[in-house]
Amino acid sequence: MKFFDDILKENNKYSLKRVIILTSFIFVIYLGSFITISDKILEKEVNRYAIDVFNSILLFLISLLGISETGKKFLNKNVPEENP
């Protein structure tokens, strides 16, 4: 559980952004695996809308990660450094 606490907590509180990122990542992996496996089993192309949903959630995840990293850079840039 320490692994999840380190990933999901920020200042000993759960971060909603991190929880959404982890949940979206797990769902994207699951949905991508389902599309790939059902393609092989059914031997026909999966509904195009399922692939569009996969792409949309993947873009959402990428943009959320980008926003998170950009926020960290701005936060670190705006915090004044202490000189001893």
C-alpha atoms as a PDB file:
ATOM      1  CA  MET A   1       0.000   0.000   0.000  1.00  0.00           C
ATOM      2  CA  LYS A   2       2.953   2.354   0.480  1.00  0.00           C
ATOM      3  CA  PHE A   3       3.457   2.312  -3.284  1.00  0.00           C
ATOM      4  CA  PHE A   4      -0.065   3.661  -3.882  1.00  0.00           C
ATOM      5  CA  ASP A   5       0.271   6.148  -1.038  1.00  0.00           C
ATOM      6  CA  ASP A   6       3.444   7.537  -2.613  1.00  0.00           C
ATOM      7  CA  ILE A   7       1.801   7.810  -6.019  1.00  0.00           C
ATOM      8  CA  LEU A   8      -1.619   9.129  -5.036  1.00  0.00           C
ATOM      9  CA  LYS A   9      -0.827  11.385  -2.078  1.00  0.00           C
ATOM     10  CA  GLU A  10       0.534  14.897  -2.127  1.00  0.00           C
ATOM     11  CA  ASN A  11       1.328  16.456   1.269  1.00  0.00           C
ATOM     12  CA  ASN A  12      -0.328  13.463   3.003  1.00  0.00           C
ATOM     13  CA  LYS A  13      -3.630  14.083   1.182  1.00  0.00           C
ATOM     14  CA  TYR A  14      -5.018  12.258  -1.798  1.00  0.00           C
ATOM     15  CA  SER A  15      -4.706  14.320  -4.958  1.00  0.00           C
ATOM     16  CA  LEU A  16      -7.804  14.160  -7.162  1.00  0.00           C
ATOM     17  CA  LYS A  17      -5.703  14.754 -10.261  1.00  0.00           C
ATOM     18  CA  ARG A  18      -3.430  11.811  -9.456  1.00  0.00           C
ATOM     19  CA  VAL A  19      -6.369   9.508  -8.715  1.00  0.00           C
ATOM     20  CA  ILE A  20      -7.999  10.431 -12.037  1.00  0.00           C
ATOM     21  CA  ILE A  21      -4.708   9.856 -13.886  1.00  0.00           C
ATOM     22  CA  LEU A  22      -4.270   6.392 -12.351  1.00  0.00           C
ATOM     23  CA  THR A  23      -7.898   5.425 -12.981  1.00  0.00           C
ATOM     24  CA  SER A  24      -7.785   6.649 -16.581  1.00  0.00           C
ATOM     25  CA  PHE A  25      -4.495   4.831 -17.200  1.00  0.00           C
ATOM     26  CA  ILE A  26      -5.881   1.529 -15.926  1.00  0.00           C
ATOM     27  CA  PHE A  27      -9.060   1.980 -18.002  1.00  0.00           C
ATOM     28  CA  VAL A  28      -7.081   2.830 -21.175  1.00  0.00           C
ATOM     29  CA  ILE A  29      -4.915  -0.278 -20.737  1.00  0.00           C
ATOM     30  CA  TYR A  30      -8.008  -2.425 -20.181  1.00  0.00           C
ATOM     31  CA  LEU A  31      -9.926  -0.957 -23.132  1.00  0.00           C
ATOM     32  CA  GLY A  32      -6.935  -1.219 -25.482  1.00  0.00           C
ATOM     33  CA  SER A  33      -6.397  -4.842 -24.478  1.00  0.00           C
ATOM     34  CA  PHE A  34     -10.087  -5.614 -24.976  1.00  0.00           C
ATOM     35  CA  ILE A  35     -10.104  -4.051 -28.449  1.00  0.00           C
ATOM     36  CA  THR A  36      -6.969  -5.929 -29.467  1.00  0.00           C
ATOM     37  CA  ILE A  37      -8.084  -9.288 -28.084  1.00  0.00           C
ATOM     38  CA  SER A  38     -11.601  -9.039 -29.492  1.00  0.00           C
ATOM     39  CA  ASP A  39     -10.114  -8.181 -32.903  1.00  0.00           C
ATOM     40  CA  LYS A  40      -8.168 -11.453 -32.845  1.00  0.00           C
ATOM     41  CA  ILE A  41     -11.004 -13.582 -31.438  1.00  0.00           C
ATOM     42  CA  LEU A  42     -13.877 -12.236 -33.544  1.00  0.00           C
ATOM     43  CA  GLU A  43     -11.712 -11.907 -36.669  1.00  0.00           C
ATOM     44  CA  LYS A  44     -13.511  -8.736 -37.672  1.00  0.00           C
ATOM     45  CA  GLU A  45     -12.928  -5.079 -36.927  1.00  0.00           C
ATOM     46  CA  VAL A  46     -14.280  -3.723 -33.673  1.00  0.00           C
ATOM     47  CA  ASN A  47     -16.875  -0.975 -33.828  1.00  0.00           C
ATOM     48  CA  ARG A  48     -15.203   2.268 -34.880  1.00  0.00           C
ATOM     49  CA  TYR A  49     -16.804   4.135 -31.969  1.00  0.00           C
ATOM     50  CA  ALA A  50     -14.971   1.926 -29.444  1.00  0.00           C
ATOM     51  CA  ILE A  51     -11.679   2.935 -31.035  1.00  0.00           C
ATOM     52  CA  ASP A  52     -12.747   6.604 -30.959  1.00  0.00           C
ATOM     53  CA  VAL A  53     -13.531   6.315 -27.241  1.00  0.00           C
ATOM     54  CA  PHE A  54     -10.114   4.743 -26.676  1.00  0.00           C
ATOM     55  CA  ASN A  55      -8.393   7.585 -28.539  1.00  0.00           C
ATOM     56  CA  SER A  56     -10.395  10.227 -26.671  1.00  0.00           C
ATOM     57  CA  ILE A  57      -9.569   8.806 -23.243  1.00  0.00           C
ATOM     58  CA  LEU A  58      -5.917   8.472 -24.241  1.00  0.00           C
ATOM     59  CA  LEU A  59      -5.829  12.140 -25.315  1.00  0.00           C
ATOM     60  CA  PHE A  60      -7.516  13.106 -22.038  1.00  0.00           C
ATOM     61  CA  LEU A  61      -4.868  11.207 -20.097  1.00  0.00           C
ATOM     62  CA  ILE A  62      -2.012  12.775 -22.051  1.00  0.00           C
ATOM     63  CA  SER A  63      -3.402  16.278 -21.603  1.00  0.00           C
ATOM     64  CA  LEU A  64      -3.959  15.745 -17.866  1.00  0.00           C
ATOM     65  CA  LEU A  65      -0.377  14.544 -17.458  1.00  0.00           C
ATOM     66  CA  GLY A  66       0.851  17.565 -19.401  1.00  0.00           C
ATOM     67  CA  ILE A  67      -1.189  19.951 -17.266  1.00  0.00           C
ATOM     68  CA  SER A  68       0.123  18.292 -14.120  1.00  0.00           C
ATOM     69  CA  GLU A  69       3.760  18.578 -15.186  1.00  0.00           C
ATOM     70  CA  THR A  70       3.344  22.163 -16.380  1.00  0.00           C
ATOM     71  CA  GLY A  71       1.798  23.085 -13.033  1.00  0.00           C
ATOM     72  CA  LYS A  72       4.775  21.599 -11.209  1.00  0.00           C
ATOM     73  CA  LYS A  73       7.210  23.621 -13.329  1.00  0.00           C
ATOM     74  CA  PHE A  74       5.324  26.876 -12.741  1.00  0.00           C
ATOM     75  CA  LEU A  75       5.044  26.155  -9.024  1.00  0.00           C
ATOM     76  CA  ASN A  76       8.773  25.474  -8.728  1.00  0.00           C
ATOM     77  CA  LYS A  77       9.576  28.579 -10.765  1.00  0.00           C
ATOM     78  CA  ASN A  78       7.412  30.900  -8.671  1.00  0.00           C
ATOM     79  CA  VAL A  79       8.617  29.697  -5.262  1.00  0.00           C
ATOM     80  CA  PRO A  80      11.568  31.865  -4.156  1.00  0.00           C
ATOM     81  CA  GLU A  81      14.724  30.032  -3.224  1.00  0.00           C
ATOM     82  CA  GLU A  82      16.103  30.510   0.256  1.00  0.00           C
ATOM     83  CA  ASN A  83      19.693  31.660   0.467  1.00  0.00           C
ATOM     84  CA  PRO A  84      21.516  30.505   3.622  1.00  0.00           C
END
